PDB file of N, CA and C in Angstrom:
ATOM      1  N   UNK A   1    -108.118 209.152 148.218  1.00  0.00           N
ATOM      2  CA  UNK A   1    -106.656 208.293 148.430  1.00  0.00           C
ATOM      3  C   UNK A   1    -106.254 207.167 148.653  1.00  0.00           C
ATOM      4  N   UNK A   2    -106.855 207.038 149.916  1.00  0.00           N
ATOM      5  CA  UNK A   2    -106.560 206.022 150.885  1.00  0.00           C
ATOM      6  C   UNK A   2    -107.002 204.470 150.143  1.00  0.00           C
ATOM      7  N   UNK A   3    -108.166 204.865 149.589  1.00  0.00           N
ATOM      8  CA  UNK A   3    -109.025 203.715 149.178  1.00  0.00           C
ATOM      9  C   UNK A   3    -107.757 203.247 147.819  1.00  0.00           C
ATOM     10  N   UNK A   4    -107.511 204.433 147.332  1.00  0.00           N
ATOM     11  CA  UNK A   4    -106.217 203.770 145.899  1.00  0.00           C
ATOM     12  C   UNK A   4    -105.549 203.255 146.546  1.00  0.00           C
ATOM     13  N   UNK A   5    -104.714 204.328 147.292  1.00  0.00           N
ATOM     14  CA  UNK A   5    -103.739 202.902 147.688  1.00  0.00           C
ATOM     15  C   UNK A   5    -103.349 202.144 148.255  1.00  0.00           C
ATOM     16  N   UNK A   6    -104.587 201.756 149.523  1.00  0.00           N
ATOM     17  CA  UNK A   6    -104.703 200.470 150.384  1.00  0.00           C
ATOM     18  C   UNK A   6    -105.049 199.442 149.124  1.00  0.00           C
ATOM     19  N   UNK A   7    -106.167 199.791 148.164  1.00  0.00           N
ATOM     20  CA  UNK A   7    -106.230 198.787 147.005  1.00  0.00           C
ATOM     21  C   UNK A   7    -105.173 198.436 146.170  1.00  0.00           C
ATOM     22  N   UNK A   8    -103.909 199.556 145.865  1.00  0.00           N
ATOM     23  CA  UNK A   8    -103.385 199.228 144.895  1.00  0.00           C
ATOM     24  C   UNK A   8    -102.321 198.023 145.732  1.00  0.00           C
ATOM     25  N   UNK A   9    -102.003 198.344 146.892  1.00  0.00           N
ATOM     26  CA  UNK A   9    -101.061 197.828 147.737  1.00  0.00           C
ATOM     27  C   UNK A   9    -101.463 195.958 148.247  1.00  0.00           C
ATOM     28  N   UNK A  10    -103.019 195.749 148.071  1.00  0.00           N
ATOM     29  CA  UNK A  10    -103.860 194.941 148.304  1.00  0.00           C
ATOM     30  C   UNK A  10    -103.328 193.997 146.611  1.00  0.00           C
ATOM     31  N   UNK A  11    -103.512 194.835 145.622  1.00  0.00           N
ATOM     32  CA  UNK A  11    -102.968 194.167 144.662  1.00  0.00           C
ATOM     33  C   UNK A  11    -101.565 193.634 144.201  1.00  0.00           C
ATOM     34  N   UNK A  12    -100.788 194.602 144.950  1.00  0.00           N
ATOM     35  CA  UNK A  12     -99.211 193.814 145.052  1.00  0.00           C
ATOM     36  C   UNK A  12     -99.422 192.651 146.089  1.00  0.00           C
ATOM     37  N   UNK A  13     -99.861 192.804 146.787  1.00  0.00           N
ATOM     38  CA  UNK A  13     -99.902 191.368 147.918  1.00  0.00           C
ATOM     39  C   UNK A  13    -100.505 190.110 147.177  1.00  0.00           C
ATOM     40  N   UNK A  14    -101.276 190.117 146.417  1.00  0.00           N
ATOM     41  CA  UNK A  14    -102.392 189.502 145.853  1.00  0.00           C
ATOM     42  C   UNK A  14    -101.216 189.116 144.671  1.00  0.00           C
ATOM     43  N   UNK A  15    -100.649 189.836 144.328  1.00  0.00           N
ATOM     44  CA  UNK A  15     -99.928 189.076 143.049  1.00  0.00           C
ATOM     45  C   UNK A  15     -98.294 188.402 143.541  1.00  0.00           C
ATOM     46  N   UNK A  16     -97.936 189.041 144.782  1.00  0.00           N
ATOM     47  CA  UNK A  16     -96.837 188.748 145.587  1.00  0.00           C
ATOM     48  C   UNK A  16     -97.304 186.956 145.557  1.00  0.00           C
ATOM     49  N   UNK A  17     -98.003 186.947 146.452  1.00  0.00           N
ATOM     50  CA  UNK A  17     -99.057 185.431 146.691  1.00  0.00           C
ATOM     51  C   UNK A  17     -98.719 184.543 145.428  1.00  0.00           C
ATOM     52  N   UNK A  18     -99.233 184.821 144.411  1.00  0.00           N
ATOM     53  CA  UNK A  18     -99.729 184.301 143.119  1.00  0.00           C
ATOM     54  C   UNK A  18     -98.178 184.182 142.541  1.00  0.00           C
ATOM     55  N   UNK A  19     -97.211 184.930 142.255  1.00  0.00           N
ATOM     56  CA  UNK A  19     -96.710 184.139 141.720  1.00  0.00           C
ATOM     57  C   UNK A  19     -94.717 183.745 142.483  1.00  0.00           C
ATOM     58  N   UNK A  20     -95.256 183.956 143.604  1.00  0.00           N
ATOM     59  CA  UNK A  20     -94.303 182.722 144.706  1.00  0.00           C
ATOM     60  C   UNK A  20     -95.101 181.350 144.646  1.00  0.00           C
ATOM     61  N   UNK A  21     -96.285 181.254 144.425  1.00  0.00           N
ATOM     62  CA  UNK A  21     -96.938 179.590 143.997  1.00  0.00           C
ATOM     63  C   UNK A  21     -97.060 179.446 142.986  1.00  0.00           C
ATOM     64  N   UNK A  22     -96.992 180.206 141.764  1.00  0.00           N
ATOM     65  CA  UNK A  22     -97.600 179.789 140.320  1.00  0.00           C
ATOM     66  C   UNK A  22     -96.906 178.221 140.008  1.00  0.00           C
ATOM     67  N   UNK A  23     -97.338 177.532 139.557  1.00  0.00           N
ATOM     68  CA  UNK A  23     -96.767 176.203 138.450  1.00  0.00           C
ATOM     69  C   UNK A  23     -96.013 176.608 137.518  1.00  0.00           C
ATOM     70  N   UNK A  24     -96.371 177.379 137.035  1.00  0.00           N
ATOM     71  CA  UNK A  24     -95.221 177.857 135.561  1.00  0.00           C
ATOM     72  C   UNK A  24     -94.635 179.091 136.787  1.00  0.00           C
ATOM     73  N   UNK A  25     -92.925 179.200 136.183  1.00  0.00           N
ATOM     74  CA  UNK A  25     -92.343 179.519 137.013  1.00  0.00           C
ATOM     75  C   UNK A  25     -91.527 181.035 136.023  1.00  0.00           C
ATOM     76  N   UNK A  26     -92.284 182.577 136.745  1.00  0.00           N
ATOM     77  CA  UNK A  26     -91.704 183.668 136.141  1.00  0.00           C
ATOM     78  C   UNK A  26     -90.320 184.320 136.824  1.00  0.00           C
ATOM     79  N   UNK A  27     -89.739 184.654 136.421  1.00  0.00           N
ATOM     80  CA  UNK A  27     -88.067 185.275 136.447  1.00  0.00           C
ATOM     81  C   UNK A  27     -88.583 185.719 137.721  1.00  0.00           C
ATOM     82  N   UNK A  28     -89.375 185.734 138.277  1.00  0.00           N
ATOM     83  CA  UNK A  28     -89.659 186.587 140.241  1.00  0.00           C
ATOM     84  C   UNK A  28     -89.376 185.481 141.005  1.00  0.00           C
ATOM     85  N   UNK A  29     -90.224 184.526 140.662  1.00  0.00           N
ATOM     86  CA  UNK A  29     -90.828 183.323 141.130  1.00  0.00           C
ATOM     87  C   UNK A  29     -89.652 182.919 142.516  1.00  0.00           C
ATOM     88  N   UNK A  30     -88.531 182.850 142.302  1.00  0.00           N
ATOM     89  CA  UNK A  30     -87.845 182.376 143.111  1.00  0.00           C
ATOM     90  C   UNK A  30     -87.561 183.310 144.319  1.00  0.00           C
ATOM     91  N   UNK A  31     -87.088 184.755 143.722  1.00  0.00           N
ATOM     92  CA  UNK A  31     -86.497 185.290 144.947  1.00  0.00           C
ATOM     93  C   UNK A  31     -88.311 185.422 145.862  1.00  0.00           C
ATOM     94  N   UNK A  32     -89.329 185.557 145.399  1.00  0.00           N
ATOM     95  CA  UNK A  32     -90.415 185.809 146.147  1.00  0.00           C
ATOM     96  C   UNK A  32     -90.607 184.558 147.131  1.00  0.00           C
ATOM     97  N   UNK A  33     -90.582 183.679 146.414  1.00  0.00           N
ATOM     98  CA  UNK A  33     -90.442 182.172 147.079  1.00  0.00           C
ATOM     99  C   UNK A  33     -89.753 182.445 148.325  1.00  0.00           C
ATOM    100  N   UNK A  34     -88.847 182.802 148.221  1.00  0.00           N
ATOM    101  CA  UNK A  34     -87.726 182.684 148.946  1.00  0.00           C
ATOM    102  C   UNK A  34     -88.125 184.036 150.340  1.00  0.00           C
ATOM    103  N   UNK A  35     -88.025 184.632 150.035  1.00  0.00           N
ATOM    104  CA  UNK A  35     -88.671 185.770 150.519  1.00  0.00           C
ATOM    105  C   UNK A  35     -90.240 185.733 151.647  1.00  0.00           C
ATOM    106  N   UNK A  36     -90.571 184.816 150.918  1.00  0.00           N
ATOM    107  CA  UNK A  36     -91.909 184.441 151.627  1.00  0.00           C
ATOM    108  C   UNK A  36     -91.653 183.216 152.897  1.00  0.00           C
ATOM    109  N   UNK A  37     -90.796 182.462 152.529  1.00  0.00           N
ATOM    110  CA  UNK A  37     -90.648 181.501 153.519  1.00  0.00           C
ATOM    111  C   UNK A  37     -89.281 182.212 154.428  1.00  0.00           C
ATOM    112  N   UNK A  38     -88.806 183.515 154.055  1.00  0.00           N
ATOM    113  CA  UNK A  38     -88.050 183.891 155.142  1.00  0.00           C
ATOM    114  C   UNK A  38     -88.661 184.716 156.140  1.00  0.00           C
ATOM    115  N   UNK A  39     -89.782 185.498 155.305  1.00  0.00           N
ATOM    116  CA  UNK A  39     -90.366 186.348 156.560  1.00  0.00           C
ATOM    117  C   UNK A  39     -91.906 185.885 156.847  1.00  0.00           C
ATOM    118  N   UNK A  40     -92.319 184.567 156.151  1.00  0.00           N
ATOM    119  CA  UNK A  40     -93.539 183.688 157.128  1.00  0.00           C
ATOM    120  C   UNK A  40     -94.649 184.796 157.019  1.00  0.00           C
ATOM    121  N   UNK A  41     -95.320 185.005 156.221  1.00  0.00           N
ATOM    122  CA  UNK A  41     -96.189 185.959 156.159  1.00  0.00           C
ATOM    123  C   UNK A  41     -95.948 187.418 156.456  1.00  0.00           C
ATOM    124  N   UNK A  42     -94.781 187.719 156.719  1.00  0.00           N
ATOM    125  CA  UNK A  42     -94.895 189.249 157.227  1.00  0.00           C
ATOM    126  C   UNK A  42     -94.254 190.074 156.071  1.00  0.00           C
ATOM    127  N   UNK A  43     -94.670 189.964 154.984  1.00  0.00           N
ATOM    128  CA  UNK A  43     -93.736 190.390 153.675  1.00  0.00           C
ATOM    129  C   UNK A  43     -93.915 192.076 153.737  1.00  0.00           C
ATOM    130  N   UNK A  44     -92.755 192.620 153.587  1.00  0.00           N
ATOM    131  CA  UNK A  44     -92.692 194.169 153.628  1.00  0.00           C
ATOM    132  C   UNK A  44     -92.929 194.508 151.882  1.00  0.00           C
ATOM    133  N   UNK A  45     -93.791 195.923 152.185  1.00  0.00           N
ATOM    134  CA  UNK A  45     -94.449 196.571 150.683  1.00  0.00           C
ATOM    135  C   UNK A  45     -93.125 196.845 149.485  1.00  0.00           C
ATOM    136  N   UNK A  46     -92.661 197.764 150.107  1.00  0.00           N
ATOM    137  CA  UNK A  46     -91.284 198.235 149.980  1.00  0.00           C
ATOM    138  C   UNK A  46     -90.164 197.533 149.491  1.00  0.00           C
ATOM    139  N   UNK A  47     -89.507 196.657 150.487  1.00  0.00           N
ATOM    140  CA  UNK A  47     -88.584 196.558 150.855  1.00  0.00           C
ATOM    141  C   UNK A  47     -88.297 194.841 150.188  1.00  0.00           C
ATOM    142  N   UNK A  48     -89.369 194.176 150.299  1.00  0.00           N
ATOM    143  CA  UNK A  48     -89.393 192.845 150.009  1.00  0.00           C
ATOM    144  C   UNK A  48     -90.041 192.949 148.278  1.00  0.00           C
ATOM    145  N   UNK A  49     -91.290 193.715 148.414  1.00  0.00           N
ATOM    146  CA  UNK A  49     -91.590 193.570 147.164  1.00  0.00           C
ATOM    147  C   UNK A  49     -91.566 194.517 146.001  1.00  0.00           C
ATOM    148  N   UNK A  50     -91.297 195.492 146.685  1.00  0.00           N
ATOM    149  CA  UNK A  50     -90.965 196.652 145.042  1.00  0.00           C
ATOM    150  C   UNK A  50     -89.492 196.633 144.851  1.00  0.00           C
ATOM    151  N   UNK A  51     -88.610 196.006 145.681  1.00  0.00           N
ATOM    152  CA  UNK A  51     -87.261 196.773 145.508  1.00  0.00           C
ATOM    153  C   UNK A  51     -87.512 195.060 144.879  1.00  0.00           C
ATOM    154  N   UNK A  52     -87.529 194.030 145.009  1.00  0.00           N
ATOM    155  CA  UNK A  52     -87.573 192.857 144.448  1.00  0.00           C
ATOM    156  C   UNK A  52     -87.906 192.923 142.829  1.00  0.00           C
ATOM    157  N   UNK A  53     -88.617 193.748 143.136  1.00  0.00           N
ATOM    158  CA  UNK A  53     -89.617 193.571 141.029  1.00  0.00           C
ATOM    159  C   UNK A  53     -88.324 194.445 140.761  1.00  0.00           C
ATOM    160  N   UNK A  54     -88.226 195.934 140.688  1.00  0.00           N
ATOM    161  CA  UNK A  54     -86.776 196.534 140.388  1.00  0.00           C
ATOM    162  C   UNK A  54     -85.952 195.874 140.205  1.00  0.00           C
ATOM    163  N   UNK A  55     -85.461 195.129 141.151  1.00  0.00           N
ATOM    164  CA  UNK A  55     -84.009 193.747 140.763  1.00  0.00           C
ATOM    165  C   UNK A  55     -84.348 193.161 139.515  1.00  0.00           C
ATOM    166  N   UNK A  56     -85.124 192.430 139.122  1.00  0.00           N
ATOM    167  CA  UNK A  56     -85.456 191.265 138.446  1.00  0.00           C
ATOM    168  C   UNK A  56     -86.145 192.353 137.206  1.00  0.00           C
ATOM    169  N   UNK A  57     -86.749 193.090 137.232  1.00  0.00           N
ATOM    170  CA  UNK A  57     -87.444 193.575 135.975  1.00  0.00           C
ATOM    171  C   UNK A  57     -87.550 195.310 136.158  1.00  0.00           C
ATOM    172  N   UNK A  58     -85.888 195.517 135.709  1.00  0.00           N
ATOM    173  CA  UNK A  58     -85.517 197.106 135.957  1.00  0.00           C
ATOM    174  C   UNK A  58     -86.146 198.011 134.663  1.00  0.00           C
ATOM    175  N   UNK A  59     -86.927 197.509 133.735  1.00  0.00           N
ATOM    176  CA  UNK A  59     -88.027 198.590 133.304  1.00  0.00           C
ATOM    177  C   UNK A  59     -88.713 199.073 134.061  1.00  0.00           C
ATOM    178  N   UNK A  60     -89.555 198.672 135.103  1.00  0.00           N
ATOM    179  CA  UNK A  60     -90.181 199.320 136.102  1.00  0.00           C
ATOM    180  C   UNK A  60     -89.688 199.936 137.066  1.00  0.00           C
ATOM    181  N   UNK A  61     -88.638 200.405 137.312  1.00  0.00           N
ATOM    182  CA  UNK A  61     -88.135 201.369 138.211  1.00  0.00           C
ATOM    183  C   UNK A  61     -88.455 202.495 138.101  1.00  0.00           C
ATOM    184  N   UNK A  62     -88.776 203.137 137.131  1.00  0.00           N
ATOM    185  CA  UNK A  62     -89.223 204.384 137.305  1.00  0.00           C
ATOM    186  C   UNK A  62     -90.605 204.599 137.839  1.00  0.00           C
ATOM    187  N   UNK A  63     -91.532 203.747 137.630  1.00  0.00           N
ATOM    188  CA  UNK A  63     -92.806 203.932 137.789  1.00  0.00           C
ATOM    189  C   UNK A  63     -93.062 203.255 139.655  1.00  0.00           C
ATOM    190  N   UNK A  64     -92.220 202.528 139.994  1.00  0.00           N
ATOM    191  CA  UNK A  64     -92.382 202.035 140.812  1.00  0.00           C
ATOM    192  C   UNK A  64     -91.376 203.124 142.183  1.00  0.00           C
ATOM    193  N   UNK A  65     -90.913 203.917 141.568  1.00  0.00           N
ATOM    194  CA  UNK A  65     -90.124 204.317 142.472  1.00  0.00           C
ATOM    195  C   UNK A  65     -91.061 205.809 142.861  1.00  0.00           C
ATOM    196  N   UNK A  66     -91.703 205.916 142.208  1.00  0.00           N
ATOM    197  CA  UNK A  66     -92.894 207.179 141.887  1.00  0.00           C
ATOM    198  C   UNK A  66     -93.663 206.905 143.222  1.00  0.00           C
ATOM    199  N   UNK A  67     -94.331 205.501 142.801  1.00  0.00           N
ATOM    200  CA  UNK A  67     -95.061 204.599 143.898  1.00  0.00           C
ATOM    201  C   UNK A  67     -94.207 204.695 144.932  1.00  0.00           C
ATOM    202  N   UNK A  68     -93.272 204.731 145.598  1.00  0.00           N
ATOM    203  CA  UNK A  68     -92.902 204.325 146.301  1.00  0.00           C
ATOM    204  C   UNK A  68     -92.658 206.028 147.256  1.00  0.00           C
ATOM    205  N   UNK A  69     -92.502 206.724 146.389  1.00  0.00           N
ATOM    206  CA  UNK A  69     -92.778 207.920 146.785  1.00  0.00           C
ATOM    207  C   UNK A  69     -94.353 208.625 147.421  1.00  0.00           C
ATOM    208  N   UNK A  70     -95.300 208.026 146.877  1.00  0.00           N
ATOM    209  CA  UNK A  70     -96.773 208.205 147.873  1.00  0.00           C
ATOM    210  C   UNK A  70     -97.063 207.013 148.653  1.00  0.00           C
ATOM    211  N   UNK A  71     -95.921 206.322 149.127  1.00  0.00           N
ATOM    212  CA  UNK A  71     -96.446 205.502 150.577  1.00  0.00           C
ATOM    213  C   UNK A  71     -96.683 206.063 151.849  1.00  0.00           C
ATOM    214  N   UNK A  72     -95.798 207.209 151.760  1.00  0.00           N
ATOM    215  CA  UNK A  72     -95.537 207.852 152.915  1.00  0.00           C
ATOM    216  C   UNK A  72     -97.398 208.735 152.858  1.00  0.00           C
ATOM    217  N   UNK A  73     -97.962 208.551 151.714  1.00  0.00           N
ATOM    218  CA  UNK A  73     -99.111 209.782 152.092  1.00  0.00           C
ATOM    219  C   UNK A  73    -100.024 208.492 152.599  1.00  0.00           C
ATOM    220  N   UNK A  74    -100.139 207.352 152.342  1.00  0.00           N
ATOM    221  CA  UNK A  74    -100.950 206.067 152.949  1.00  0.00           C
ATOM    222  C   UNK A  74    -100.676 206.245 154.173  1.00  0.00           C
ATOM    223  N   UNK A  75     -99.597 206.524 154.900  1.00  0.00           N
ATOM    224  CA  UNK A  75     -99.368 205.881 156.145  1.00  0.00           C
ATOM    225  C   UNK A  75     -99.724 206.991 157.099  1.00  0.00           C
ATOM    226  N   UNK A  76     -99.491 208.448 156.370  1.00  0.00           N
ATOM    227  CA  UNK A  76     -99.898 209.784 156.809  1.00  0.00           C
ATOM    228  C   UNK A  76    -101.361 210.091 156.916  1.00  0.00           C
ATOM    229  N   UNK A  77    -102.203 209.117 156.127  1.00  0.00           N
ATOM    230  CA  UNK A  77    -103.723 209.551 155.969  1.00  0.00           C
ATOM    231  C   UNK A  77    -104.284 208.509 156.866  1.00  0.00           C
ATOM    232  N   UNK A  78    -103.500 207.146 157.177  1.00  0.00           N
ATOM    233  CA  UNK A  78    -104.158 205.827 157.781  1.00  0.00           C
ATOM    234  C   UNK A  78    -103.772 206.318 159.274  1.00  0.00           C
ATOM    235  N   UNK A  79    -102.845 206.625 159.582  1.00  0.00           N
ATOM    236  CA  UNK A  79    -102.574 207.361 161.147  1.00  0.00           C
ATOM    237  C   UNK A  79    -102.034 208.357 161.584  1.00  0.00           C
ATOM    238  N   UNK A  80    -103.366 209.327 161.321  1.00  0.00           N
ATOM    239  CA  UNK A  80    -104.316 210.383 162.194  1.00  0.00           C
ATOM    240  C   UNK A  80    -103.344 211.904 161.643  1.00  0.00           C
ATOM    241  N   UNK A  81    -102.437 211.622 160.263  1.00  0.00           N
ATOM    242  CA  UNK A  81    -101.829 213.207 160.395  1.00  0.00           C
ATOM    243  C   UNK A  81    -101.448 213.781 161.389  1.00  0.00           C
ATOM    244  N   UNK A  82    -100.721 213.386 161.887  1.00  0.00           N
ATOM    245  CA  UNK A  82    -100.240 214.266 163.170  1.00  0.00           C
ATOM    246  C   UNK A  82     -98.414 214.377 162.940  1.00  0.00           C
ATOM    247  N   UNK A  83     -98.058 214.284 161.853  1.00  0.00           N
ATOM    248  CA  UNK A  83     -96.525 214.579 161.321  1.00  0.00           C
ATOM    249  C   UNK A  83     -96.992 214.870 160.021  1.00  0.00           C
ATOM    250  N   UNK A  84     -94.833 215.322 159.510  1.00  0.00           N
ATOM    251  CA  UNK A  84     -95.322 215.894 158.421  1.00  0.00           C
ATOM    252  C   UNK A  84     -94.627 214.808 157.586  1.00  0.00           C
ATOM    253  N   UNK A  85     -95.070 213.872 156.648  1.00  0.00           N
ATOM    254  CA  UNK A  85     -94.625 212.567 156.212  1.00  0.00           C
ATOM    255  C   UNK A  85     -92.849 213.605 154.840  1.00  0.00           C
ATOM    256  N   UNK A  86     -92.442 212.711 154.766  1.00  0.00           N
ATOM    257  CA  UNK A  86     -91.429 213.252 153.870  1.00  0.00           C
ATOM    258  C   UNK A  86     -91.952 212.120 152.721  1.00  0.00           C
ATOM    259  N   UNK A  87     -92.371 212.957 151.512  1.00  0.00           N
ATOM    260  CA  UNK A  87     -93.351 212.082 150.361  1.00  0.00           C
ATOM    261  C   UNK A  87     -92.410 213.074 149.260  1.00  0.00           C
ATOM    262  N   UNK A  88     -92.413 212.052 148.076  1.00  0.00           N
ATOM    263  CA  UNK A  88     -92.180 212.189 146.902  1.00  0.00           C
ATOM    264  C   UNK A  88     -92.383 213.626 146.118  1.00  0.00           C
ATOM    265  N   UNK A  89     -93.634 213.404 145.981  1.00  0.00           N
ATOM    266  CA  UNK A  89     -93.817 215.082 146.303  1.00  0.00           C
ATOM    267  C   UNK A  89     -94.400 216.055 146.970  1.00  0.00           C
ATOM    268  N   UNK A  90     -94.252 217.378 147.156  1.00  0.00           N
ATOM    269  CA  UNK A  90     -94.988 218.254 148.017  1.00  0.00           C
ATOM    270  C   UNK A  90     -96.494 218.011 148.265  1.00  0.00           C
ATOM    271  N   UNK A  91     -97.124 217.756 147.206  1.00  0.00           N
ATOM    272  CA  UNK A  91     -98.421 217.869 146.775  1.00  0.00           C
ATOM    273  C   UNK A  91     -98.912 216.041 146.076  1.00  0.00           C
ATOM    274  N   UNK A  92    -100.364 215.779 146.532  1.00  0.00           N
ATOM    275  CA  UNK A  92    -100.828 214.867 145.509  1.00  0.00           C
ATOM    276  C   UNK A  92    -102.072 215.321 145.431  1.00  0.00           C
ATOM    277  N   UNK A  93    -102.700 214.953 144.739  1.00  0.00           N
ATOM    278  CA  UNK A  93    -104.206 215.421 144.009  1.00  0.00           C
ATOM    279  C   UNK A  93    -104.603 213.583 143.761  1.00  0.00           C
ATOM    280  N   UNK A  94    -105.947 213.297 143.848  1.00  0.00           N
ATOM    281  CA  UNK A  94    -106.492 212.199 143.712  1.00  0.00           C
ATOM    282  C   UNK A  94    -106.133 211.810 142.496  1.00  0.00           C
ATOM    283  N   UNK A  95    -106.370 212.402 141.506  1.00  0.00           N
ATOM    284  CA  UNK A  95    -105.857 212.284 139.945  1.00  0.00           C
ATOM    285  C   UNK A  95    -104.539 211.799 139.798  1.00  0.00           C
ATOM    286  N   UNK A  96    -103.147 212.246 140.562  1.00  0.00           N
ATOM    287  CA  UNK A  96    -102.159 211.622 140.618  1.00  0.00           C
ATOM    288  C   UNK A  96    -102.098 210.407 140.836  1.00  0.00           C
ATOM    289  N   UNK A  97    -102.618 210.336 142.264  1.00  0.00           N
ATOM    290  CA  UNK A  97    -102.263 209.020 143.080  1.00  0.00           C
ATOM    291  C   UNK A  97    -102.834 207.699 142.063  1.00  0.00           C
ATOM    292  N   UNK A  98    -104.016 207.804 141.310  1.00  0.00           N
ATOM    293  CA  UNK A  98    -104.722 206.838 140.175  1.00  0.00           C
ATOM    294  C   UNK A  98    -103.337 207.047 139.364  1.00  0.00           C
ATOM    295  N   UNK A  99    -103.209 208.035 138.922  1.00  0.00           N
ATOM    296  CA  UNK A  99    -102.156 208.252 137.445  1.00  0.00           C
ATOM    297  C   UNK A  99    -100.602 206.873 137.969  1.00  0.00           C
ATOM    298  N   UNK A 100    -100.195 207.533 138.984  1.00  0.00           N
ATOM    299  CA  UNK A 100     -99.075 206.620 139.272  1.00  0.00           C
ATOM    300  C   UNK A 100     -99.289 205.343 139.708  1.00  0.00           C
ATOM    301  N   UNK A 101    -100.471 205.023 140.474  1.00  0.00           N
ATOM    302  CA  UNK A 101    -100.674 203.583 141.004  1.00  0.00           C
ATOM    303  C   UNK A 101    -101.169 202.749 139.308  1.00  0.00           C
ATOM    304  N   UNK A 102    -101.752 203.435 138.401  1.00  0.00           N
ATOM    305  CA  UNK A 102    -102.488 202.448 137.156  1.00  0.00           C
ATOM    306  C   UNK A 102    -100.859 202.455 136.538  1.00  0.00           C
ATOM    307  N   UNK A 103    -100.345 203.602 136.412  1.00  0.00           N
ATOM    308  CA  UNK A 103     -99.164 203.419 135.555  1.00  0.00           C
ATOM    309  C   UNK A 103     -98.002 202.289 135.810  1.00  0.00           C
ATOM    310  N   UNK A 104     -97.703 202.349 137.433  1.00  0.00           N
ATOM    311  CA  UNK A 104     -96.833 201.049 137.925  1.00  0.00           C
ATOM    312  C   UNK A 104     -98.023 199.679 137.845  1.00  0.00           C
ATOM    313  N   UNK A 105     -98.785 199.537 138.218  1.00  0.00           N
ATOM    314  CA  UNK A 105     -99.983 198.333 137.943  1.00  0.00           C
ATOM    315  C   UNK A 105     -99.275 197.904 136.255  1.00  0.00           C
ATOM    316  N   UNK A 106     -99.496 198.827 135.146  1.00  0.00           N
ATOM    317  CA  UNK A 106     -99.547 198.684 134.065  1.00  0.00           C
ATOM    318  C   UNK A 106     -98.027 198.187 133.512  1.00  0.00           C
ATOM    319  N   UNK A 107     -96.870 198.753 133.931  1.00  0.00           N
ATOM    320  CA  UNK A 107     -95.446 198.227 133.751  1.00  0.00           C
ATOM    321  C   UNK A 107     -94.816 197.229 134.498  1.00  0.00           C
ATOM    322  N   UNK A 108     -95.683 197.189 135.238  1.00  0.00           N
ATOM    323  CA  UNK A 108     -95.183 195.426 136.205  1.00  0.00           C
ATOM    324  C   UNK A 108     -96.176 194.386 135.415  1.00  0.00           C
ATOM    325  N   UNK A 109     -97.314 194.702 134.808  1.00  0.00           N
ATOM    326  CA  UNK A 109     -98.016 193.680 133.471  1.00  0.00           C
ATOM    327  C   UNK A 109     -97.067 192.922 132.665  1.00  0.00           C
ATOM    328  N   UNK A 110     -96.802 194.255 132.285  1.00  0.00           N
ATOM    329  CA  UNK A 110     -96.173 193.982 130.976  1.00  0.00           C
ATOM    330  C   UNK A 110     -94.596 193.256 130.863  1.00  0.00           C
ATOM    331  N   UNK A 111     -94.108 193.462 132.348  1.00  0.00           N
ATOM    332  CA  UNK A 111     -92.539 193.188 132.598  1.00  0.00           C
ATOM    333  C   UNK A 111     -92.844 191.806 133.259  1.00  0.00           C
ATOM    334  N   UNK A 112     -94.015 191.236 134.013  1.00  0.00           N
ATOM    335  CA  UNK A 112     -94.021 189.747 134.534  1.00  0.00           C
ATOM    336  C   UNK A 112     -95.047 188.796 133.215  1.00  0.00           C
TER     337      UNK A 112
END
């Protein structure tokens, strides 16, 4: 699960970089470019990338919110499992994480 979540985050960060520097200007370009300048390389996954995507492409909101419910699982797996995370669901299976990430990335690709 950790591998799926970190790979998905990496894909989102690569998409952010691509969309903020692209020659053809998609709808989200200006917002990402502004965030990139303000944050100077310290772009936050949920606040900067995912919330901006929801603002610009509202059709992706449901799938992104589902993924945001899984993000605490990534933190919990990566940082020692010594607390009880507040996740979107009480339990996740590997297939759940895959389905959520896949659905979100598909919706984002269709929107952008």
